[in-house]
Protein backbone atom coordinates (compact mmCIF):
# COMPACT_ATOMS: atom_id res chain seq x y z
CA MET A 1 -85.06 -47.55 -68.28
CA ILE A 2 -82.89 -46.10 -70.65
CA SER A 3 -82.47 -48.01 -73.97
CA ARG A 4 -79.55 -49.79 -74.88
CA LYS A 5 -78.99 -47.73 -77.65
CA LYS A 6 -79.16 -44.57 -75.71
CA LYS A 7 -76.65 -46.13 -73.17
CA ARG A 8 -74.27 -46.88 -76.51
CA ILE A 9 -74.76 -42.97 -77.27
CA LEU A 10 -73.93 -41.74 -73.78
CA ARG A 11 -71.33 -44.03 -73.18
CA SER A 12 -69.51 -42.58 -76.62
CA VAL A 13 -70.28 -38.87 -75.29
CA PHE A 14 -68.52 -39.92 -72.39
CA SER A 15 -65.53 -41.21 -74.19
CA ILE A 16 -65.24 -38.51 -76.47
CA CYS A 17 -65.24 -35.86 -73.62
CA CYS A 18 -62.30 -38.55 -71.82
CA ALA A 19 -60.68 -37.96 -74.77
CA VAL A 20 -60.61 -34.42 -75.32
CA THR A 21 -60.02 -34.04 -71.44
CA ILE A 22 -56.99 -36.25 -71.92
CA ALA A 23 -55.68 -34.35 -74.86
CA SER A 24 -55.46 -31.16 -72.91
CA MET A 25 -53.92 -32.83 -69.81
CA ASN A 26 -51.37 -33.93 -72.16
CA THR A 27 -50.94 -30.78 -73.92
CA SER A 28 -49.82 -29.24 -70.64
CA VAL A 29 -47.51 -31.61 -69.42
CA TYR A 30 -45.44 -31.31 -72.81
CA ALA A 31 -45.85 -27.79 -73.09
CA ALA A 32 -43.39 -27.65 -70.58
CA PRO A 33 -40.00 -25.44 -71.06
CA SER A 34 -37.17 -27.01 -70.86
CA SER A 35 -34.21 -26.40 -68.40
CA LYS A 36 -32.15 -24.22 -70.73
CA GLU A 37 -35.18 -22.04 -71.76
CA LEU A 38 -35.92 -21.64 -67.97
CA GLU A 39 -31.96 -20.83 -66.77
CA SER A 40 -32.09 -18.12 -69.95
CA LYS A 41 -35.37 -16.77 -68.56
CA THR A 42 -34.00 -16.91 -64.74
CA SER A 43 -30.29 -15.39 -65.80
CA GLN A 44 -32.79 -12.52 -67.74
CA LEU A 45 -34.72 -11.71 -64.76
CA GLN A 46 -31.77 -11.76 -62.47
CA GLY A 47 -30.46 -9.07 -64.78
CA GLU A 48 -33.28 -7.12 -64.71
CA LEU A 49 -33.28 -7.33 -61.09
CA ASN A 50 -29.77 -6.37 -60.53
CA SER A 51 -30.52 -3.48 -62.82
CA LEU A 52 -33.73 -2.27 -60.91
CA ASN A 53 -31.77 -2.67 -57.59
CA SER A 54 -29.12 -0.92 -58.81
CA GLU A 55 -31.37 2.02 -59.91
CA LEU A 56 -33.09 2.28 -56.77
CA ALA A 57 -29.89 2.41 -54.81
CA SER A 58 -29.18 5.33 -56.99
CA LEU A 59 -32.73 6.54 -56.89
CA SER A 60 -32.02 6.61 -53.07
CA ASN A 61 -29.16 8.23 -52.68
CA GLU A 62 -30.79 10.83 -55.25
CA LEU A 63 -33.59 11.27 -52.63
CA ASP A 64 -31.55 11.71 -49.86
CA THR A 65 -29.39 14.33 -51.06
CA THR A 66 -32.52 16.25 -52.19
CA SER A 67 -34.31 15.61 -48.51
CA SER A 68 -31.02 16.74 -47.29
CA GLN A 69 -31.06 19.98 -49.48
CA ILE A 70 -34.67 20.84 -48.58
CA GLU A 71 -33.91 20.68 -44.89
CA THR A 72 -30.55 23.12 -45.46
CA LEU A 73 -33.07 25.33 -47.65
CA ALA A 74 -35.73 25.36 -44.70
CA ALA A 75 -33.71 26.86 -42.69
CA ASP A 76 -32.01 29.11 -44.84
CA VAL A 77 -35.71 30.49 -45.48
CA GLU A 78 -36.49 30.68 -41.51
CA LYS A 79 -33.33 32.69 -41.16
CA ALA A 80 -34.05 34.62 -43.96
CA LYS A 81 -37.29 35.64 -42.35
CA LEU A 82 -36.03 36.55 -39.48
CA ASP A 83 -33.48 38.69 -41.36
CA LEU A 84 -36.20 40.50 -42.65
CA ALA A 85 -38.40 41.10 -39.47
CA ALA A 86 -35.15 42.78 -38.42
CA ALA A 87 -34.39 44.83 -41.28
CA GLN A 88 -37.93 45.92 -40.92
CA LEU A 89 -37.48 46.87 -37.70
CA ASN A 90 -34.24 48.75 -38.11
CA GLU A 91 -35.61 50.65 -41.24
CA GLN A 92 -38.53 51.61 -38.60
CA ALA A 93 -36.39 52.44 -35.85
CA GLN A 94 -33.89 54.74 -38.15
CA TYR A 95 -37.67 56.17 -39.53
CA ASP A 96 -38.78 56.93 -36.06
CA SER A 97 -35.46 58.65 -35.13
CA MET A 98 -35.12 60.55 -37.99
CA LYS A 99 -38.80 62.28 -37.31
CA THR A 100 -37.73 62.64 -33.78
CA ARG A 101 -35.11 64.84 -35.18
CA ILE A 102 -37.11 66.74 -37.68
CA LYS A 103 -39.48 67.18 -35.48
CA PHE A 104 -36.90 68.69 -32.86
CA MET A 105 -35.63 70.83 -35.68
CA TYR A 106 -38.62 72.16 -36.88
CA GLU A 107 -41.00 72.15 -33.75
CA GLY A 108 -42.53 75.80 -33.50
CA GLY A 109 -42.31 75.86 -37.71
CA SER A 110 -40.20 78.71 -38.57
CA ILE A 111 -39.85 81.04 -35.44
CA SER A 112 -37.48 77.68 -34.25
CA LEU A 113 -35.92 77.41 -37.27
CA LEU A 114 -34.88 81.57 -37.19
CA GLU A 115 -34.11 81.39 -33.63
CA VAL A 116 -31.16 78.91 -34.98
CA LEU A 117 -30.32 80.71 -37.65
CA PHE A 118 -30.60 84.19 -35.78
CA SER A 119 -28.83 83.01 -33.07
CA SER A 120 -25.79 82.76 -34.56
CA GLU A 121 -22.86 84.54 -34.12
CA ASN A 122 -22.14 85.27 -37.65
CA MET A 123 -22.20 84.72 -41.20
CA THR A 124 -19.56 81.78 -41.07
CA ASP A 125 -21.73 80.21 -37.59
CA PHE A 126 -24.93 80.72 -39.59
CA LEU A 127 -23.60 78.93 -42.79
CA ASN A 128 -22.05 75.79 -40.07
CA LYS A 129 -25.70 75.31 -38.52
CA ALA A 130 -27.56 75.13 -41.58
CA GLU A 131 -25.11 72.68 -43.32
CA TYR A 132 -25.56 70.70 -40.12
CA VAL A 133 -29.15 70.79 -40.45
CA THR A 134 -28.67 69.72 -44.03
CA SER A 135 -26.30 66.98 -43.31
CA ILE A 136 -28.43 65.30 -40.70
CA SER A 137 -31.43 65.12 -43.41
CA GLU A 138 -29.09 63.64 -46.08
CA TYR A 139 -27.70 61.46 -43.39
CA ASP A 140 -31.37 60.48 -42.73
CA ARG A 141 -32.53 59.65 -46.01
CA SER A 142 -29.62 58.11 -46.94
CA MET A 143 -30.11 55.47 -44.01
CA LEU A 144 -33.60 55.42 -45.48
CA ASP A 145 -32.55 54.44 -48.67
CA GLU A 146 -29.86 51.76 -47.56
CA LEU A 147 -32.31 50.21 -45.19
CA ARG A 148 -34.72 49.98 -47.75
CA THR A 149 -32.38 47.99 -50.06
CA ILE A 150 -31.23 45.79 -47.19
CA ARG A 151 -35.04 44.87 -46.72
CA ASP A 152 -35.41 44.58 -50.51
CA ASP A 153 -32.40 42.10 -50.49
CA ILE A 154 -33.77 40.00 -47.91
CA GLU A 155 -37.06 40.16 -49.61
CA GLN A 156 -35.78 38.57 -52.79
CA LYS A 157 -33.53 36.32 -51.41
CA GLN A 158 -36.43 34.78 -49.16
CA ILE A 159 -38.17 34.71 -52.31
CA GLY A 160 -35.68 32.73 -54.03
CA LEU A 161 -34.94 30.38 -50.98
CA GLU A 162 -38.89 29.53 -51.17
CA GLU A 163 -38.60 28.63 -55.16
CA GLN A 164 -36.09 26.64 -54.66
CA GLN A 165 -37.62 24.99 -51.86
CA GLU A 166 -40.92 24.38 -53.72
CA GLU A 167 -39.05 22.90 -56.75
CA LEU A 168 -36.91 20.76 -54.53
CA SER A 169 -40.28 19.58 -52.78
CA GLU A 170 -41.78 18.98 -56.32
CA LEU A 171 -38.48 16.79 -57.15
CA LYS A 172 -38.68 15.12 -54.01
CA GLU A 173 -42.23 13.51 -54.70
CA GLU A 174 -41.19 12.76 -58.24
CA LEU A 175 -38.26 10.91 -56.84
CA THR A 176 -40.66 9.24 -53.97
CA GLU A 177 -43.31 7.99 -57.16
CA LYS A 178 -40.32 6.64 -58.94
CA GLN A 179 -38.91 4.98 -55.70
CA GLU A 180 -42.56 3.11 -55.47
CA THR A 181 -42.58 2.40 -59.10
CA LEU A 182 -38.93 0.89 -58.95
CA ASN A 183 -39.96 -0.97 -55.37
CA SER A 184 -42.80 -2.42 -57.17
CA LYS A 185 -41.32 -3.50 -60.41
CA ILE A 186 -38.44 -5.05 -57.85
CA SER A 187 -41.36 -6.99 -55.82
CA SER A 188 -42.88 -8.13 -59.15
CA THR A 189 -39.70 -9.11 -60.41
CA SER A 190 -38.42 -10.88 -57.60
CA GLY A 191 -41.30 -13.11 -57.49
CA GLN A 192 -41.58 -14.11 -61.40
CA LEU A 193 -37.73 -14.88 -60.63
CA ALA A 194 -38.61 -17.36 -57.71
CA ASP A 195 -41.16 -18.81 -59.73
CA TYR A 196 -38.51 -19.46 -62.78
CA SER A 197 -35.94 -20.62 -60.40
CA ALA A 198 -38.42 -23.17 -58.75
CA GLN A 199 -39.40 -24.48 -62.17
CA LEU A 200 -36.06 -24.54 -63.41
CA GLU A 201 -35.22 -26.95 -60.10
CA ARG A 202 -38.19 -28.82 -60.98
CA ALA A 203 -36.81 -28.95 -64.67
CA LYS A 204 -33.11 -29.93 -63.62
CA ALA A 205 -34.42 -32.64 -61.48
CA ALA A 206 -36.76 -34.37 -63.76
CA GLU A 207 -34.01 -34.22 -66.61
CA ALA A 208 -31.52 -35.41 -64.45
CA ALA A 209 -33.65 -38.40 -63.71
CA LEU A 210 -34.57 -39.21 -67.15
CA ALA A 211 -30.92 -38.95 -68.09
CA ALA A 212 -30.15 -41.35 -65.44
CA ALA A 213 -32.89 -43.47 -66.64
CA GLN A 214 -31.50 -43.81 -69.76
CA ASN A 215 -28.05 -44.34 -69.33
CA ASN A 216 -29.01 -47.16 -67.00
CA LYS A 217 -27.18 -45.86 -64.32
CA VAL A 218 -29.44 -47.42 -61.46
CA SER A 219 -29.03 -50.99 -60.30
CA GLY A 220 -32.50 -51.75 -60.10
CA SER A 221 -32.82 -51.52 -56.46
CA VAL A 222 -34.86 -49.25 -54.32
CA GLY A 223 -35.44 -49.62 -50.73
CA GLY A 224 -35.88 -52.61 -48.89
CA ASN A 225 -38.13 -55.70 -48.05
CA ASP A 226 -41.27 -54.11 -46.93
CA GLY A 227 -42.46 -57.62 -45.09
CA ASN A 228 -44.86 -58.81 -47.82
CA GLY A 229 -42.15 -60.67 -49.98
CA GLY A 230 -40.96 -57.75 -51.59
CA GLY A 231 -37.71 -56.39 -53.17
CA SER A 232 -36.51 -55.32 -56.14
CA SER A 233 -36.18 -57.13 -59.73
CA THR A 234 -35.01 -56.20 -62.96
CA GLY A 235 -37.16 -55.33 -65.96
CA PRO A 236 -37.06 -53.82 -69.51
CA VAL A 237 -35.89 -50.05 -69.77
CA ILE A 238 -38.48 -47.79 -70.79
CA GLU A 239 -37.52 -45.18 -73.26
CA ALA A 240 -38.81 -41.92 -71.85
CA ASN A 241 -38.53 -37.94 -72.27
CA THR A 242 -38.93 -35.23 -69.69
CA SER A 243 -42.27 -35.17 -69.66
CA ASP A 244 -42.84 -38.94 -68.62
CA VAL A 245 -40.30 -38.75 -66.01
CA ALA A 246 -42.69 -36.19 -64.30
CA LEU A 247 -45.77 -37.84 -65.11
CA LEU A 248 -44.68 -40.93 -63.79
CA ALA A 249 -43.00 -39.30 -60.31
CA ALA A 250 -46.18 -37.16 -59.84
CA ILE A 251 -48.66 -40.18 -60.82
CA ILE A 252 -46.92 -42.82 -58.13
CA GLN A 253 -46.42 -39.86 -55.38
CA CYS A 254 -50.14 -39.23 -55.97
CA GLU A 255 -51.16 -42.87 -55.22
CA ALA A 256 -48.63 -43.97 -52.78
CA GLY A 257 -47.87 -40.62 -50.68
CA GLY A 258 -43.81 -40.74 -49.86
CA ASN A 259 -43.77 -44.43 -49.12
CA THR A 260 -40.95 -45.57 -51.65
CA GLU A 261 -41.70 -49.16 -51.32
CA GLY A 262 -45.50 -47.78 -52.76
CA MET A 263 -44.08 -45.82 -55.40
CA LEU A 264 -42.14 -48.46 -56.91
CA ALA A 265 -45.16 -50.81 -57.14
CA VAL A 266 -47.49 -48.48 -58.48
CA ALA A 267 -44.88 -47.41 -60.93
CA THR A 268 -43.97 -51.44 -61.86
CA VAL A 269 -47.97 -51.82 -62.55
CA ILE A 270 -48.02 -48.57 -64.66
CA LEU A 271 -44.74 -49.88 -66.84
CA ASN A 272 -45.99 -53.45 -66.72
CA ARG A 273 -49.12 -52.05 -68.31
CA VAL A 274 -46.73 -49.58 -71.04
CA SER A 275 -45.50 -53.22 -72.07
CA SER A 276 -48.82 -55.24 -72.11
CA PRO A 277 -50.99 -55.21 -75.37
CA LEU A 278 -53.74 -54.99 -73.36
CA PHE A 279 -52.96 -51.24 -72.45
CA PRO A 280 -51.73 -47.92 -74.15
CA ASN A 281 -47.89 -48.52 -75.42
CA SER A 282 -46.95 -45.09 -73.23
CA ILE A 283 -46.53 -44.07 -69.89
CA SER A 284 -48.98 -40.59 -70.50
CA GLY A 285 -51.51 -43.22 -72.55
CA VAL A 286 -51.28 -45.15 -69.71
CA VAL A 287 -51.87 -42.88 -67.14
CA TYR A 288 -54.73 -40.96 -68.78
CA GLN A 289 -56.93 -43.85 -69.67
CA SER A 290 -60.24 -43.62 -68.75
CA GLY A 291 -61.39 -44.09 -65.58
CA GLN A 292 -58.11 -46.10 -64.45
CA PHE A 293 -56.39 -43.25 -61.74
CA SER A 294 -58.34 -41.20 -59.75
CA PRO A 295 -55.74 -38.41 -59.38
CA THR A 296 -56.05 -37.42 -63.16
CA TRP A 297 -59.39 -36.05 -62.57
CA ASN A 298 -59.81 -35.34 -58.97
CA GLY A 299 -57.05 -32.45 -59.68
CA SER A 300 -54.55 -34.07 -57.42
CA LEU A 301 -52.10 -34.82 -60.61
CA ASN A 302 -52.58 -31.40 -61.68
CA ASN A 303 -51.20 -30.22 -58.17
CA VAL A 304 -48.25 -32.30 -58.13
CA LEU A 305 -47.57 -31.22 -61.70
CA ALA A 306 -47.95 -27.64 -61.17
CA ASN A 307 -45.60 -27.74 -57.96
CA GLY A 308 -43.20 -30.34 -59.04
CA ALA A 309 -43.09 -34.07 -57.66
CA THR A 310 -40.72 -34.71 -54.35
CA GLN A 311 -37.16 -35.95 -54.75
CA SER A 312 -37.69 -39.28 -53.80
CA ALA A 313 -41.10 -39.76 -56.18
CA TYR A 314 -38.12 -38.71 -59.21
CA SER A 315 -35.69 -41.60 -57.93
CA VAL A 316 -38.02 -43.86 -57.87
CA ALA A 317 -39.32 -43.05 -61.67
CA GLN A 318 -35.87 -42.64 -62.60
CA ALA A 319 -35.42 -46.30 -61.02
CA ALA A 320 -38.28 -47.58 -62.61
CA LEU A 321 -37.51 -46.49 -65.99
CA GLY A 322 -34.28 -47.60 -65.40
CA GLY A 323 -35.21 -51.21 -64.75
CA SER A 324 -36.11 -51.39 -61.33
CA ARG A 325 -39.06 -53.03 -60.32
CA HIS A 326 -40.96 -54.26 -57.15
CA SER A 327 -40.72 -58.07 -57.23
CA ALA A 328 -43.35 -58.50 -54.83
CA VAL A 329 -45.73 -57.04 -57.71
CA SER A 330 -43.81 -58.13 -61.21
CA GLY A 331 -46.71 -59.80 -62.81
CA CYS A 332 -49.34 -57.05 -61.76
CA LEU A 333 -51.57 -54.84 -63.73
CA TYR A 334 -54.10 -53.69 -61.19
CA PHE A 335 -54.28 -52.22 -57.95
CA ASN A 336 -56.45 -50.57 -55.11
CA ALA A 337 -56.36 -48.96 -52.29
CA ALA A 338 -56.19 -50.96 -49.12
CA TRP A 339 -59.15 -50.00 -47.12
CA THR A 340 -61.50 -50.98 -50.18
CA GLY A 341 -61.32 -54.74 -48.92
CA LYS A 342 -60.05 -56.15 -51.99
CA PRO A 343 -57.80 -59.11 -51.86
CA GLY A 344 -53.88 -58.89 -53.34
CA ILE A 345 -50.72 -58.28 -52.57
CA ASN A 346 -50.36 -55.17 -49.78
CA VAL A 347 -47.38 -52.80 -50.31
CA GLY A 348 -47.35 -49.16 -49.12
CA GLY A 349 -51.35 -48.93 -48.25
CA ASN A 350 -52.35 -50.47 -51.63
CA VAL A 351 -53.10 -53.89 -53.05
CA PHE A 352 -52.15 -55.25 -55.88
CA TRP A 353 -52.94 -58.13 -58.27
């Protein structure tokens, strides 16, 4: 069996661990940003998102224009290819015609040429025929030169169009990459904005509850009679900050679910403890007191704090801090789940004593 001394040591170690855990949990509660900070961050993110969306719209227009230009250039390149093929065919046809004429004129070698020349009636006729032959040769040469020039021009045009097409294709790739990057940034910024907006709503709800509690705007009435002799009574107003409101709302939601009477009863016990010399004199001290509230160690409280309590939980916490108490349990300091079978006053699934 373990000696008493060892038991005392184990209890001390356990108490220290619990104290460290409570301290760290308290830190996370009080580290929550204020609504002003959240509003500033939300406004900043909204501005960034608007700027990114504007940039994306401009980029999308540029991308559409570039795509349209690429399509136009593709059609121009295709036409240039056809024009070049036509010019080459024309050049070849002209060359074939020239060869046919040369062959006809010079077929048989110099005899045929001499026949043409000696068939002339006189010198004038001879010179005219010689000039005619020369003119045909010059015409053919000129036509071939012209056709080559046309072909070369079309080739250069095609090359230029293909280079422009390649440049635009590279530009389109760059724009597409930028568009993907912007979409990723927009998605990330939208997610952050949604997260901060949700935090802002929770912070505003908690601060509104705190302000109402501090100004004692609650008449001391929450819900009606639950059939167990319950109802509302008035207790002392508890001074609290935003974190206290959030913590009280979260713990009563964990312990009583959505039952308004049950939440007010749990809040009454917690605030009774705050006022009692037998317990810590703060909401966080009572809630995180070792071995008292199971949501503080089973993770459910942290989940509610992370997501924010319901509006009804905030309202009940506000009412309780403002002085509202559940009359049936106004003198109680303890409660357990009703299924445990413990005797007591049953309110909202818990028994109080």
